[in-house]
């Protein structure tokens, strides 16, 4: 017997609520010479990095799919 199941899909931004930690975002600033970094600044950078990372991942998946592959390769990430 086949059952019709409803699948709840969360928006992409909610599926992985925190891919980059606040402390990792602070490290980016500090690596570039910042002496001190506010939590707010780190949170904003974290959001930007996560959004950009998701955009790059989506494009890489499309590139691999277009090439008939399921494995994401370096060239898929580097293509725009």
C-alpha atoms as a PDB file:
ATOM      1  CA  UNK A   1       0.000   0.000   0.000  1.00  0.00           C
ATOM      2  CA  UNK A   2       1.323   3.427  -0.955  1.00  0.00           C
ATOM      3  CA  UNK A   3       0.682   6.243   1.457  1.00  0.00           C
ATOM      4  CA  UNK A   4       0.688   9.864   0.528  1.00  0.00           C
ATOM      5  CA  UNK A   5       2.988  11.571   3.033  1.00  0.00           C
ATOM      6  CA  UNK A   6       3.242  15.303   3.388  1.00  0.00           C
ATOM      7  CA  UNK A   7       6.820  16.453   3.634  1.00  0.00           C
ATOM      8  CA  UNK A   8       7.440  19.641   5.511  1.00  0.00           C
ATOM      9  CA  UNK A   9      10.215  21.611   3.873  1.00  0.00           C
ATOM     10  CA  UNK A  10      11.779  24.442   5.819  1.00  0.00           C
ATOM     11  CA  UNK A  11      13.098  27.514   4.005  1.00  0.00           C
ATOM     12  CA  UNK A  12      16.792  27.181   3.161  1.00  0.00           C
ATOM     13  CA  UNK A  13      17.828  29.776   5.704  1.00  0.00           C
ATOM     14  CA  UNK A  14      16.035  27.837   8.475  1.00  0.00           C
ATOM     15  CA  UNK A  15      17.273  24.389   7.428  1.00  0.00           C
ATOM     16  CA  UNK A  16      20.780  25.119   8.690  1.00  0.00           C
ATOM     17  CA  UNK A  17      20.378  27.959  11.150  1.00  0.00           C
ATOM     18  CA  UNK A  18      24.064  28.356  11.941  1.00  0.00           C
ATOM     19  CA  UNK A  19      26.739  27.177   9.534  1.00  0.00           C
ATOM     20  CA  UNK A  20      29.315  29.737  10.655  1.00  0.00           C
ATOM     21  CA  UNK A  21      29.875  30.593  14.293  1.00  0.00           C
ATOM     22  CA  UNK A  22      30.066  34.126  15.619  1.00  0.00           C
ATOM     23  CA  UNK A  23      33.592  33.434  16.866  1.00  0.00           C
ATOM     24  CA  UNK A  24      34.637  32.317  13.362  1.00  0.00           C
ATOM     25  CA  UNK A  25      33.291  35.573  11.945  1.00  0.00           C
ATOM     26  CA  UNK A  26      35.268  37.488  14.595  1.00  0.00           C
ATOM     27  CA  UNK A  27      38.397  35.586  13.557  1.00  0.00           C
ATOM     28  CA  UNK A  28      38.016  36.864   9.985  1.00  0.00           C
ATOM     29  CA  UNK A  29      38.152  40.443  11.261  1.00  0.00           C
ATOM     30  CA  UNK A  30      41.044  39.704  13.618  1.00  0.00           C
ATOM     31  CA  UNK A  31      43.024  37.946  10.912  1.00  0.00           C
ATOM     32  CA  UNK A  32      42.839  41.181   8.920  1.00  0.00           C
ATOM     33  CA  UNK A  33      44.116  43.236  11.842  1.00  0.00           C
ATOM     34  CA  UNK A  34      41.102  44.240  13.933  1.00  0.00           C
ATOM     35  CA  UNK A  35      41.982  44.601  17.620  1.00  0.00           C
ATOM     36  CA  UNK A  36      38.417  44.247  18.857  1.00  0.00           C
ATOM     37  CA  UNK A  37      35.194  43.157  17.147  1.00  0.00           C
ATOM     38  CA  UNK A  38      31.664  43.758  18.409  1.00  0.00           C
ATOM     39  CA  UNK A  39      29.219  40.887  18.537  1.00  0.00           C
ATOM     40  CA  UNK A  40      26.926  42.829  16.188  1.00  0.00           C
ATOM     41  CA  UNK A  41      29.635  43.190  13.557  1.00  0.00           C
ATOM     42  CA  UNK A  42      30.448  39.485  13.805  1.00  0.00           C
ATOM     43  CA  UNK A  43      26.767  38.562  13.449  1.00  0.00           C
ATOM     44  CA  UNK A  44      26.396  40.734  10.332  1.00  0.00           C
ATOM     45  CA  UNK A  45      29.500  39.206   8.720  1.00  0.00           C
ATOM     46  CA  UNK A  46      28.228  35.724   9.643  1.00  0.00           C
ATOM     47  CA  UNK A  47      24.909  36.423   7.874  1.00  0.00           C
ATOM     48  CA  UNK A  48      26.660  37.728   4.761  1.00  0.00           C
ATOM     49  CA  UNK A  49      29.064  34.770   4.605  1.00  0.00           C
ATOM     50  CA  UNK A  50      26.232  32.262   5.055  1.00  0.00           C
ATOM     51  CA  UNK A  51      24.111  33.922   2.344  1.00  0.00           C
ATOM     52  CA  UNK A  52      27.028  34.047  -0.079  1.00  0.00           C
ATOM     53  CA  UNK A  53      27.947  30.436   0.745  1.00  0.00           C
ATOM     54  CA  UNK A  54      24.395  29.283   0.061  1.00  0.00           C
ATOM     55  CA  UNK A  55      24.396  31.159  -3.258  1.00  0.00           C
ATOM     56  CA  UNK A  56      27.703  29.553  -4.283  1.00  0.00           C
ATOM     57  CA  UNK A  57      26.435  26.107  -3.248  1.00  0.00           C
ATOM     58  CA  UNK A  58      23.198  26.510  -5.248  1.00  0.00           C
ATOM     59  CA  UNK A  59      25.159  27.523  -8.343  1.00  0.00           C
ATOM     60  CA  UNK A  60      27.629  24.656  -7.899  1.00  0.00           C
ATOM     61  CA  UNK A  61      24.767  22.167  -7.647  1.00  0.00           C
ATOM     62  CA  UNK A  62      23.217  23.586 -10.833  1.00  0.00           C
ATOM     63  CA  UNK A  63      26.571  23.402 -12.627  1.00  0.00           C
ATOM     64  CA  UNK A  64      27.119  19.770 -11.638  1.00  0.00           C
ATOM     65  CA  UNK A  65      23.557  18.851 -12.555  1.00  0.00           C
ATOM     66  CA  UNK A  66      23.914  20.569 -15.928  1.00  0.00           C
ATOM     67  CA  UNK A  67      26.996  18.400 -16.533  1.00  0.00           C
ATOM     68  CA  UNK A  68      25.033  15.266 -15.600  1.00  0.00           C
ATOM     69  CA  UNK A  69      26.837  14.732 -12.285  1.00  0.00           C
ATOM     70  CA  UNK A  70      25.730  14.528  -8.673  1.00  0.00           C
ATOM     71  CA  UNK A  71      29.232  15.062  -7.290  1.00  0.00           C
ATOM     72  CA  UNK A  72      30.200  18.704  -6.850  1.00  0.00           C
ATOM     73  CA  UNK A  73      33.662  19.351  -8.260  1.00  0.00           C
ATOM     74  CA  UNK A  74      36.025  22.301  -7.893  1.00  0.00           C
ATOM     75  CA  UNK A  75      35.106  23.648 -11.306  1.00  0.00           C
ATOM     76  CA  UNK A  76      31.416  23.692 -10.316  1.00  0.00           C
ATOM     77  CA  UNK A  77      32.209  25.990  -7.405  1.00  0.00           C
ATOM     78  CA  UNK A  78      34.503  28.246  -9.437  1.00  0.00           C
ATOM     79  CA  UNK A  79      31.992  28.788 -12.281  1.00  0.00           C
ATOM     80  CA  UNK A  80      29.595  31.681 -11.935  1.00  0.00           C
END
